[in-house]
Structures are given as structure tokens and as C-alpha cells.
Amino acid sequence: IIERWGKAMTIERFFVDAEKRLNTTDDEDRRKRL
């Protein structure tokens, strides 16, 4: 369970970082698509 949760947290950090980067993009069409 701990190992599975660790993998889930790694994926969660990926999404958090992706969302942060998405908020900084200037391309509106690309932002909506992503």
C-alpha cells in the first residue's frame, strides 16, 4: 500500500507541476487544449 501510494504521489507531483506550468503559458489555445 505504501509503495502504491508513493507511486501515486509521484504522479500527483507531475500533475501539480504541469498545472503550475500551464498557468504560465501565454498561448490561450494551447492552455485550453492542455
PDB file of all heavy atoms in Angstrom:
ATOM      1  N   ILE A   1       0.838  -1.202   0.000  1.00  0.00           N
ATOM      2  CA  ILE A   1       0.000   0.000   0.000  1.00  0.00           C
ATOM      3  C   ILE A   1       0.874   1.255   0.000  1.00  0.00           C
ATOM      4  O   ILE A   1       0.623   2.213  -0.746  1.00  0.00           O
ATOM      5  CB  ILE A   1      -0.940  -0.011   1.225  1.00  0.00           C
ATOM      6  CG1 ILE A   1      -2.057  -1.044   1.016  1.00  0.00           C
ATOM      7  CG2 ILE A   1      -1.537   1.373   1.469  1.00  0.00           C
ATOM      8  CD1 ILE A   1      -2.947  -1.240   2.224  1.00  0.00           C
ATOM      9  N   ILE A   2       1.903   1.256   0.841  1.00  0.00           N
ATOM     10  CA  ILE A   2       2.805   2.419   0.916  1.00  0.00           C
ATOM     11  C   ILE A   2       3.524   2.615  -0.412  1.00  0.00           C
ATOM     12  O   ILE A   2       3.694   3.747  -0.890  1.00  0.00           O
ATOM     13  CB  ILE A   2       3.812   2.227   2.066  1.00  0.00           C
ATOM     14  CG1 ILE A   2       3.075   2.275   3.408  1.00  0.00           C
ATOM     15  CG2 ILE A   2       4.900   3.288   2.020  1.00  0.00           C
ATOM     16  CD1 ILE A   2       3.933   1.936   4.609  1.00  0.00           C
ATOM     17  N   GLU A   3       3.934   1.503  -1.020  1.00  0.00           N
ATOM     18  CA  GLU A   3       4.618   1.608  -2.319  1.00  0.00           C
ATOM     19  C   GLU A   3       3.663   2.157  -3.385  1.00  0.00           C
ATOM     20  O   GLU A   3       4.051   3.012  -4.197  1.00  0.00           O
ATOM     21  CB  GLU A   3       5.129   0.227  -2.733  1.00  0.00           C
ATOM     22  CG  GLU A   3       5.890   0.236  -4.054  1.00  0.00           C
ATOM     23  CD  GLU A   3       6.373  -1.144  -4.458  1.00  0.00           C
ATOM     24  OE1 GLU A   3       6.117  -2.115  -3.714  1.00  0.00           O
ATOM     25  OE2 GLU A   3       7.006  -1.269  -5.529  1.00  0.00           O
ATOM     26  N   ARG A   4       2.416   1.683  -3.363  1.00  0.00           N
ATOM     27  CA  ARG A   4       1.438   2.171  -4.328  1.00  0.00           C
ATOM     28  C   ARG A   4       1.118   3.657  -4.115  1.00  0.00           C
ATOM     29  O   ARG A   4       0.973   4.426  -5.062  1.00  0.00           O
ATOM     30  CB  ARG A   4       0.152   1.335  -4.217  1.00  0.00           C
ATOM     31  CG  ARG A   4      -0.676   1.364  -5.500  1.00  0.00           C
ATOM     32  CD  ARG A   4      -1.817   0.399  -5.468  1.00  0.00           C
ATOM     33  NE  ARG A   4      -2.972   0.935  -4.773  1.00  0.00           N
ATOM     34  CZ  ARG A   4      -3.484   0.440  -3.661  1.00  0.00           C
ATOM     35  NH1 ARG A   4      -2.943  -0.621  -3.103  1.00  0.00           N
ATOM     36  NH2 ARG A   4      -4.543   0.996  -3.096  1.00  0.00           N
ATOM     37  N   TRP A   5       1.037   4.031  -2.814  1.00  0.00           N
ATOM     38  CA  TRP A   5       0.780   5.449  -2.505  1.00  0.00           C
ATOM     39  C   TRP A   5       1.960   6.319  -2.939  1.00  0.00           C
ATOM     40  O   TRP A   5       1.778   7.431  -3.452  1.00  0.00           O
ATOM     41  CB  TRP A   5       0.539   5.618  -1.009  1.00  0.00           C
ATOM     42  CG  TRP A   5       0.317   7.044  -0.593  1.00  0.00           C
ATOM     43  CD1 TRP A   5      -0.801   7.786  -0.749  1.00  0.00           C
ATOM     44  CD2 TRP A   5       1.290   7.895   0.026  1.00  0.00           C
ATOM     45  NE1 TRP A   5      -0.614   9.048  -0.269  1.00  0.00           N
ATOM     46  CE2 TRP A   5       0.673   9.153   0.225  1.00  0.00           C
ATOM     47  CE3 TRP A   5       2.610   7.732   0.442  1.00  0.00           C
ATOM     48  CZ2 TRP A   5       1.327  10.231   0.813  1.00  0.00           C
ATOM     49  CZ3 TRP A   5       3.275   8.793   1.045  1.00  0.00           C
ATOM     50  CH2 TRP A   5       2.623  10.032   1.223  1.00  0.00           C
ATOM     51  N   GLY A   6       3.173   5.807  -2.785  1.00  0.00           N
ATOM     52  CA  GLY A   6       4.360   6.552  -3.219  1.00  0.00           C
ATOM     53  C   GLY A   6       4.344   6.798  -4.725  1.00  0.00           C
ATOM     54  O   GLY A   6       4.672   7.897  -5.186  1.00  0.00           O
ATOM     55  N   LYS A   7       3.930   5.772  -5.480  1.00  0.00           N
ATOM     56  CA  LYS A   7       3.840   5.948  -6.930  1.00  0.00           C
ATOM     57  C   LYS A   7       2.751   6.960  -7.283  1.00  0.00           C
ATOM     58  O   LYS A   7       2.922   7.780  -8.194  1.00  0.00           O
ATOM     59  CB  LYS A   7       3.543   4.610  -7.599  1.00  0.00           C
ATOM     60  CG  LYS A   7       4.696   3.617  -7.512  1.00  0.00           C
ATOM     61  CD  LYS A   7       4.332   2.305  -8.191  1.00  0.00           C
ATOM     62  CE  LYS A   7       5.493   1.331  -8.140  1.00  0.00           C
ATOM     63  NZ  LYS A   7       5.154   0.035  -8.777  1.00  0.00           N
ATOM     64  N   ALA A   8       1.635   6.899  -6.532  1.00  0.00           N
ATOM     65  CA  ALA A   8       0.535   7.840  -6.790  1.00  0.00           C
ATOM     66  C   ALA A   8       0.976   9.270  -6.500  1.00  0.00           C
ATOM     67  O   ALA A   8       0.600  10.219  -7.216  1.00  0.00           O
ATOM     68  CB  ALA A   8      -0.680   7.464  -5.942  1.00  0.00           C
ATOM     69  N   MET A   9       1.784   9.461  -5.445  1.00  0.00           N
ATOM     70  CA  MET A   9       2.266  10.800  -5.102  1.00  0.00           C
ATOM     71  C   MET A   9       3.232  11.325  -6.158  1.00  0.00           C
ATOM     72  O   MET A   9       3.267  12.533  -6.456  1.00  0.00           O
ATOM     73  CB  MET A   9       2.944  10.769  -3.735  1.00  0.00           C
ATOM     74  CG  MET A   9       1.968  10.639  -2.575  1.00  0.00           C
ATOM     75  SD  MET A   9       0.746  11.969  -2.546  1.00  0.00           S
ATOM     76  CE  MET A   9       1.801  13.406  -2.321  1.00  0.00           C
ATOM     77  N   THR A  10       4.026  10.418  -6.721  1.00  0.00           N
ATOM     78  CA  THR A  10       4.936  10.834  -7.807  1.00  0.00           C
ATOM     79  C   THR A  10       4.124  11.348  -8.992  1.00  0.00           C
ATOM     80  O   THR A  10       4.441  12.392  -9.595  1.00  0.00           O
ATOM     81  CB  THR A  10       5.811   9.651  -8.243  1.00  0.00           C
ATOM     82  OG1 THR A  10       6.607   9.229  -7.141  1.00  0.00           O
ATOM     83  CG2 THR A  10       6.719  10.042  -9.404  1.00  0.00           C
ATOM     84  N   ILE A  11       3.033  10.633  -9.316  1.00  0.00           N
ATOM     85  CA  ILE A  11       2.168  11.062 -10.415  1.00  0.00           C
ATOM     86  C   ILE A  11       1.469  12.374 -10.064  1.00  0.00           C
ATOM     87  O   ILE A  11       1.317  13.275 -10.906  1.00  0.00           O
ATOM     88  CB  ILE A  11       1.147   9.957 -10.734  1.00  0.00           C
ATOM     89  CG1 ILE A  11       1.875   8.693 -11.223  1.00  0.00           C
ATOM     90  CG2 ILE A  11       0.138  10.427 -11.775  1.00  0.00           C
ATOM     91  CD1 ILE A  11       0.976   7.493 -11.380  1.00  0.00           C
ATOM     92  N   GLU A  12       1.059  12.483  -8.778  1.00  0.00           N
ATOM     93  CA  GLU A  12       0.381  13.708  -8.342  1.00  0.00           C
ATOM     94  C   GLU A  12       1.313  14.928  -8.478  1.00  0.00           C
ATOM     95  O   GLU A  12       0.888  16.004  -8.906  1.00  0.00           O
ATOM     96  CB  GLU A  12      -0.081  13.547  -6.887  1.00  0.00           C
ATOM     97  CG  GLU A  12      -0.691  14.794  -6.266  1.00  0.00           C
ATOM     98  CD  GLU A  12      -1.976  15.228  -6.946  1.00  0.00           C
ATOM     99  OE1 GLU A  12      -2.590  14.404  -7.667  1.00  0.00           O
ATOM    100  OE2 GLU A  12      -2.389  16.394  -6.763  1.00  0.00           O
ATOM    101  N   ARG A  13       2.568  14.747  -8.121  1.00  0.00           N
ATOM    102  CA  ARG A  13       3.530  15.847  -8.260  1.00  0.00           C
ATOM    103  C   ARG A  13       3.693  16.233  -9.728  1.00  0.00           C
ATOM    104  O   ARG A  13       3.884  17.409 -10.072  1.00  0.00           O
ATOM    105  CB  ARG A  13       4.882  15.447  -7.650  1.00  0.00           C
ATOM    106  CG  ARG A  13       4.877  15.434  -6.115  1.00  0.00           C
ATOM    107  CD  ARG A  13       6.288  15.377  -5.549  1.00  0.00           C
ATOM    108  NE  ARG A  13       6.954  14.124  -5.894  1.00  0.00           N
ATOM    109  CZ  ARG A  13       6.897  13.021  -5.163  1.00  0.00           C
ATOM    110  NH1 ARG A  13       6.191  13.013  -4.037  1.00  0.00           N
ATOM    111  NH2 ARG A  13       7.539  11.943  -5.528  1.00  0.00           N
ATOM    112  N   PHE A  14       3.612  15.229 -10.590  1.00  0.00           N
ATOM    113  CA  PHE A  14       3.678  15.512 -12.028  1.00  0.00           C
ATOM    114  C   PHE A  14       2.527  16.432 -12.454  1.00  0.00           C
ATOM    115  O   PHE A  14       2.727  17.433 -13.164  1.00  0.00           O
ATOM    116  CB  PHE A  14       3.641  14.207 -12.813  1.00  0.00           C
ATOM    117  CG  PHE A  14       3.338  14.383 -14.274  1.00  0.00           C
ATOM    118  CD1 PHE A  14       4.337  14.768 -15.167  1.00  0.00           C
ATOM    119  CD2 PHE A  14       2.045  14.188 -14.764  1.00  0.00           C
ATOM    120  CE1 PHE A  14       4.043  14.948 -16.517  1.00  0.00           C
ATOM    121  CE2 PHE A  14       1.767  14.365 -16.106  1.00  0.00           C
ATOM    122  CZ  PHE A  14       2.762  14.744 -16.989  1.00  0.00           C
ATOM    123  N   PHE A  15       1.304  16.101 -12.003  1.00  0.00           N
ATOM    124  CA  PHE A  15       0.140  16.911 -12.374  1.00  0.00           C
ATOM    125  C   PHE A  15       0.220  18.313 -11.760  1.00  0.00           C
ATOM    126  O   PHE A  15      -0.134  19.307 -12.413  1.00  0.00           O
ATOM    127  CB  PHE A  15      -1.156  16.226 -11.941  1.00  0.00           C
ATOM    128  CG  PHE A  15      -1.561  15.081 -12.826  1.00  0.00           C
ATOM    129  CD1 PHE A  15      -1.560  13.765 -12.374  1.00  0.00           C
ATOM    130  CD2 PHE A  15      -1.944  15.332 -14.134  1.00  0.00           C
ATOM    131  CE1 PHE A  15      -1.932  12.737 -13.200  1.00  0.00           C
ATOM    132  CE2 PHE A  15      -2.336  14.290 -14.964  1.00  0.00           C
ATOM    133  CZ  PHE A  15      -2.319  12.990 -14.499  1.00  0.00           C
ATOM    134  N   VAL A  16       0.657  18.399 -10.508  1.00  0.00           N
ATOM    135  CA  VAL A  16       0.779  19.717  -9.859  1.00  0.00           C
ATOM    136  C   VAL A  16       1.760  20.595 -10.619  1.00  0.00           C
ATOM    137  O   VAL A  16       1.503  21.791 -10.886  1.00  0.00           O
ATOM    138  CB  VAL A  16       1.215  19.553  -8.387  1.00  0.00           C
ATOM    139  CG1 VAL A  16       1.577  20.918  -7.787  1.00  0.00           C
ATOM    140  CG2 VAL A  16       0.108  18.900  -7.585  1.00  0.00           C
ATOM    141  N   ASP A  17       2.901  20.017 -10.990  1.00  0.00           N
ATOM    142  CA  ASP A  17       3.899  20.788 -11.721  1.00  0.00           C
ATOM    143  C   ASP A  17       3.378  21.173 -13.105  1.00  0.00           C
ATOM    144  O   ASP A  17       3.592  22.313 -13.580  1.00  0.00           O
ATOM    145  CB  ASP A  17       5.189  19.975 -11.855  1.00  0.00           C
ATOM    146  CG  ASP A  17       6.318  20.771 -12.476  1.00  0.00           C
ATOM    147  OD1 ASP A  17       6.748  21.764 -11.879  1.00  0.00           O
ATOM    148  OD2 ASP A  17       6.737  20.390 -13.601  1.00  0.00           O
ATOM    149  N   ALA A  18       2.660  20.230 -13.741  1.00  0.00           N
ATOM    150  CA  ALA A  18       2.108  20.527 -15.059  1.00  0.00           C
ATOM    151  C   ALA A  18       1.086  21.659 -14.982  1.00  0.00           C
ATOM    152  O   ALA A  18       1.042  22.543 -15.863  1.00  0.00           O
ATOM    153  CB  ALA A  18       1.468  19.273 -15.648  1.00  0.00           C
ATOM    154  N   GLU A  19       0.251  21.658 -13.953  1.00  0.00           N
ATOM    155  CA  GLU A  19      -0.762  22.717 -13.805  1.00  0.00           C
ATOM    156  C   GLU A  19      -0.115  24.074 -13.533  1.00  0.00           C
ATOM    157  O   GLU A  19      -0.593  25.115 -14.017  1.00  0.00           O
ATOM    158  CB  GLU A  19      -1.736  22.322 -12.684  1.00  0.00           C
ATOM    159  CG  GLU A  19      -2.661  21.166 -13.078  1.00  0.00           C
ATOM    160  CD  GLU A  19      -3.421  20.606 -11.893  1.00  0.00           C
ATOM    161  OE1 GLU A  19      -3.084  20.995 -10.735  1.00  0.00           O
ATOM    162  OE2 GLU A  19      -4.308  19.764 -12.096  1.00  0.00           O
ATOM    163  N   LYS A  20       0.945  24.083 -12.746  1.00  0.00           N
ATOM    164  CA  LYS A  20       1.657  25.338 -12.486  1.00  0.00           C
ATOM    165  C   LYS A  20       2.228  25.897 -13.788  1.00  0.00           C
ATOM    166  O   LYS A  20       2.144  27.104 -14.070  1.00  0.00           O
ATOM    167  CB  LYS A  20       2.773  25.112 -11.473  1.00  0.00           C
ATOM    168  CG  LYS A  20       2.278  24.927 -10.044  1.00  0.00           C
ATOM    169  CD  LYS A  20       3.460  24.739  -9.099  1.00  0.00           C
ATOM    170  CE  LYS A  20       2.991  24.552  -7.662  1.00  0.00           C
ATOM    171  NZ  LYS A  20       4.141  24.355  -6.739  1.00  0.00           N
ATOM    172  N   ARG A  21       2.838  25.011 -14.547  1.00  0.00           N
ATOM    173  CA  ARG A  21       3.430  25.455 -15.811  1.00  0.00           C
ATOM    174  C   ARG A  21       2.340  25.905 -16.786  1.00  0.00           C
ATOM    175  O   ARG A  21       2.539  26.827 -17.585  1.00  0.00           O
ATOM    176  CB  ARG A  21       4.260  24.330 -16.429  1.00  0.00           C
ATOM    177  CG  ARG A  21       5.509  23.986 -15.622  1.00  0.00           C
ATOM    178  CD  ARG A  21       6.226  22.785 -16.215  1.00  0.00           C
ATOM    179  NE  ARG A  21       7.399  22.431 -15.431  1.00  0.00           N
ATOM    180  CZ  ARG A  21       8.616  22.974 -15.596  1.00  0.00           C
ATOM    181  NH1 ARG A  21       8.789  23.909 -16.540  1.00  0.00           N
ATOM    182  NH2 ARG A  21       9.627  22.610 -14.843  1.00  0.00           N
ATOM    183  N   LEU A  22       1.193  25.252 -16.719  1.00  0.00           N
ATOM    184  CA  LEU A  22       0.101  25.592 -17.621  1.00  0.00           C
ATOM    185  C   LEU A  22      -0.401  27.018 -17.361  1.00  0.00           C
ATOM    186  O   LEU A  22      -0.764  27.742 -18.299  1.00  0.00           O
ATOM    187  CB  LEU A  22      -1.047  24.596 -17.439  1.00  0.00           C
ATOM    188  CG  LEU A  22      -2.211  24.699 -18.438  1.00  0.00           C
ATOM    189  CD1 LEU A  22      -1.719  24.446 -19.867  1.00  0.00           C
ATOM    190  CD2 LEU A  22      -3.302  23.714 -18.078  1.00  0.00           C
ATOM    191  N   ASN A  23      -0.387  27.399 -16.093  1.00  0.00           N
ATOM    192  CA  ASN A  23      -0.857  28.746 -15.733  1.00  0.00           C
ATOM    193  C   ASN A  23       0.082  29.855 -16.214  1.00  0.00           C
ATOM    194  O   ASN A  23      -0.296  31.031 -16.247  1.00  0.00           O
ATOM    195  CB  ASN A  23      -1.044  28.851 -14.216  1.00  0.00           C
ATOM    196  CG  ASN A  23      -2.216  28.012 -13.726  1.00  0.00           C
ATOM    197  OD1 ASN A  23      -3.169  27.800 -14.460  1.00  0.00           O
ATOM    198  ND2 ASN A  23      -2.129  27.524 -12.499  1.00  0.00           N
ATOM    199  N   THR A  24       1.275  29.463 -16.588  1.00  0.00           N
ATOM    200  CA  THR A  24       2.243  30.488 -17.025  1.00  0.00           C
ATOM    201  C   THR A  24       2.336  30.590 -18.547  1.00  0.00           C
ATOM    202  O   THR A  24       3.089  31.421 -19.063  1.00  0.00           O
ATOM    203  CB  THR A  24       3.650  30.161 -16.475  1.00  0.00           C
ATOM    204  OG1 THR A  24       4.068  28.892 -16.986  1.00  0.00           O
ATOM    205  CG2 THR A  24       3.628  30.110 -14.946  1.00  0.00           C
ATOM    206  N   THR A  25       1.596  29.737 -19.257  1.00  0.00           N
ATOM    207  CA  THR A  25       1.670  29.776 -20.722  1.00  0.00           C
ATOM    208  C   THR A  25       0.873  30.957 -21.267  1.00  0.00           C
ATOM    209  O   THR A  25      -0.169  31.328 -20.734  1.00  0.00           O
ATOM    210  CB  THR A  25       1.152  28.461 -21.329  1.00  0.00           C
ATOM    211  OG1 THR A  25       1.313  28.500 -22.729  1.00  0.00           O
ATOM    212  CG2 THR A  25      -0.326  28.261 -21.002  1.00  0.00           C
ATOM    213  N   ASP A  26       1.364  31.542 -22.335  1.00  0.00           N
ATOM    214  CA  ASP A  26       0.711  32.698 -22.954  1.00  0.00           C
ATOM    215  C   ASP A  26      -0.209  32.291 -24.099  1.00  0.00           C
ATOM    216  O   ASP A  26      -1.033  33.087 -24.548  1.00  0.00           O
ATOM    217  CB  ASP A  26       1.776  33.686 -23.491  1.00  0.00           C
ATOM    218  CG  ASP A  26       2.609  34.278 -22.353  1.00  0.00           C
ATOM    219  OD1 ASP A  26       2.056  34.392 -21.231  1.00  0.00           O
ATOM    220  OD2 ASP A  26       3.795  34.580 -22.568  1.00  0.00           O
ATOM    221  N   ASP A  27      -0.042  31.095 -24.553  1.00  0.00           N
ATOM    222  CA  ASP A  27      -0.844  30.614 -25.685  1.00  0.00           C
ATOM    223  C   ASP A  27      -2.181  30.097 -25.149  1.00  0.00           C
ATOM    224  O   ASP A  27      -2.254  29.029 -24.538  1.00  0.00           O
ATOM    225  CB  ASP A  27      -0.087  29.512 -26.421  1.00  0.00           C
ATOM    226  CG  ASP A  27      -0.768  29.140 -27.733  1.00  0.00           C
ATOM    227  OD1 ASP A  27      -2.000  29.335 -27.832  1.00  0.00           O
ATOM    228  OD2 ASP A  27      -0.070  28.634 -28.627  1.00  0.00           O
ATOM    229  N   GLU A  28      -3.255  30.895 -25.371  1.00  0.00           N
ATOM    230  CA  GLU A  28      -4.567  30.561 -24.821  1.00  0.00           C
ATOM    231  C   GLU A  28      -5.109  29.264 -25.394  1.00  0.00           C
ATOM    232  O   GLU A  28      -5.660  28.427 -24.656  1.00  0.00           O
ATOM    233  CB  GLU A  28      -5.535  31.706 -25.112  1.00  0.00           C
ATOM    234  CG  GLU A  28      -6.927  31.529 -24.491  1.00  0.00           C
ATOM    235  CD  GLU A  28      -6.897  31.597 -22.982  1.00  0.00           C
ATOM    236  OE1 GLU A  28      -5.899  32.102 -22.417  1.00  0.00           O
ATOM    237  OE2 GLU A  28      -7.850  31.107 -22.346  1.00  0.00           O
ATOM    238  N   ASP A  29      -4.952  29.077 -26.691  1.00  0.00           N
ATOM    239  CA  ASP A  29      -5.459  27.842 -27.317  1.00  0.00           C
ATOM    240  C   ASP A  29      -4.739  26.606 -26.757  1.00  0.00           C
ATOM    241  O   ASP A  29      -5.363  25.581 -26.472  1.00  0.00           O
ATOM    242  CB  ASP A  29      -5.286  27.903 -28.830  1.00  0.00           C
ATOM    243  CG  ASP A  29      -6.200  28.962 -29.448  1.00  0.00           C
ATOM    244  OD1 ASP A  29      -7.219  29.295 -28.791  1.00  0.00           O
ATOM    245  OD2 ASP A  29      -5.888  29.421 -30.553  1.00  0.00           O
ATOM    246  N   ARG A  30      -3.439  26.738 -26.651  1.00  0.00           N
ATOM    247  CA  ARG A  30      -2.650  25.599 -26.124  1.00  0.00           C
ATOM    248  C   ARG A  30      -3.022  25.312 -24.671  1.00  0.00           C
ATOM    249  O   ARG A  30      -3.116  24.164 -24.245  1.00  0.00           O
ATOM    250  CB  ARG A  30      -1.172  25.926 -26.241  1.00  0.00           C
ATOM    251  CG  ARG A  30      -0.250  24.760 -25.826  1.00  0.00           C
ATOM    252  CD  ARG A  30       1.181  25.066 -26.203  1.00  0.00           C
ATOM    253  NE  ARG A  30       2.047  23.946 -25.897  1.00  0.00           N
ATOM    254  CZ  ARG A  30       2.815  23.854 -24.808  1.00  0.00           C
ATOM    255  NH1 ARG A  30       2.822  24.871 -23.930  1.00  0.00           N
ATOM    256  NH2 ARG A  30       3.573  22.812 -24.604  1.00  0.00           N
ATOM    257  N   ARG A  31      -3.249  26.393 -23.877  1.00  0.00           N
ATOM    258  CA  ARG A  31      -3.585  26.207 -22.471  1.00  0.00           C
ATOM    259  C   ARG A  31      -4.905  25.457 -22.319  1.00  0.00           C
ATOM    260  O   ARG A  31      -5.028  24.545 -21.520  1.00  0.00           O
ATOM    261  CB  ARG A  31      -3.661  27.566 -21.780  1.00  0.00           C
ATOM    262  CG  ARG A  31      -3.898  27.469 -20.263  1.00  0.00           C
ATOM    263  CD  ARG A  31      -3.786  28.839 -19.631  1.00  0.00           C
ATOM    264  NE  ARG A  31      -4.827  29.712 -20.134  1.00  0.00           N
ATOM    265  CZ  ARG A  31      -6.093  29.692 -19.691  1.00  0.00           C
ATOM    266  NH1 ARG A  31      -6.479  28.837 -18.774  1.00  0.00           N
ATOM    267  NH2 ARG A  31      -6.982  30.532 -20.191  1.00  0.00           N
ATOM    268  N   LYS A  32      -5.933  25.841 -23.126  1.00  0.00           N
ATOM    269  CA  LYS A  32      -7.222  25.187 -23.039  1.00  0.00           C
ATOM    270  C   LYS A  32      -7.119  23.714 -23.460  1.00  0.00           C
ATOM    271  O   LYS A  32      -7.730  22.829 -22.868  1.00  0.00           O
ATOM    272  CB  LYS A  32      -8.245  25.889 -23.902  1.00  0.00           C
ATOM    273  CG  LYS A  32      -8.681  27.247 -23.336  1.00  0.00           C
ATOM    274  CD  LYS A  32      -9.741  27.877 -24.222  1.00  0.00           C
ATOM    275  CE  LYS A  32     -10.214  29.212 -23.638  1.00  0.00           C
ATOM    276  NZ  LYS A  32     -11.266  29.844 -24.468  1.00  0.00           N
ATOM    277  N   ARG A  33      -6.350  23.504 -24.534  1.00  0.00           N
ATOM    278  CA  ARG A  33      -6.195  22.130 -25.031  1.00  0.00           C
ATOM    279  C   ARG A  33      -5.504  21.242 -23.977  1.00  0.00           C
ATOM    280  O   ARG A  33      -5.912  20.107 -23.713  1.00  0.00           O
ATOM    281  CB  ARG A  33      -5.402  22.141 -26.335  1.00  0.00           C
ATOM    282  CG  ARG A  33      -5.305  20.750 -26.998  1.00  0.00           C
ATOM    283  CD  ARG A  33      -4.662  20.832 -28.355  1.00  0.00           C
ATOM    284  NE  ARG A  33      -3.233  21.168 -28.271  1.00  0.00           N
ATOM    285  CZ  ARG A  33      -2.725  22.366 -28.546  1.00  0.00           C
ATOM    286  NH1 ARG A  33      -3.522  23.357 -28.940  1.00  0.00           N
ATOM    287  NH2 ARG A  33      -1.422  22.589 -28.458  1.00  0.00           N
ATOM    288  N   LEU A  34      -4.479  21.770 -23.322  1.00  0.00           N
ATOM    289  CA  LEU A  34      -3.757  21.000 -22.312  1.00  0.00           C
ATOM    290  C   LEU A  34      -4.558  20.829 -21.021  1.00  0.00           C
ATOM    291  O   LEU A  34      -4.426  19.812 -20.333  1.00  0.00           O
ATOM    292  CB  LEU A  34      -2.413  21.671 -22.010  1.00  0.00           C
ATOM    293  CG  LEU A  34      -1.401  21.619 -23.154  1.00  0.00           C
ATOM    294  CD1 LEU A  34      -0.132  22.383 -22.791  1.00  0.00           C
ATOM    295  CD2 LEU A  34      -1.050  20.157 -23.494  1.00  0.00           C
TER     296      LEU A  34
END
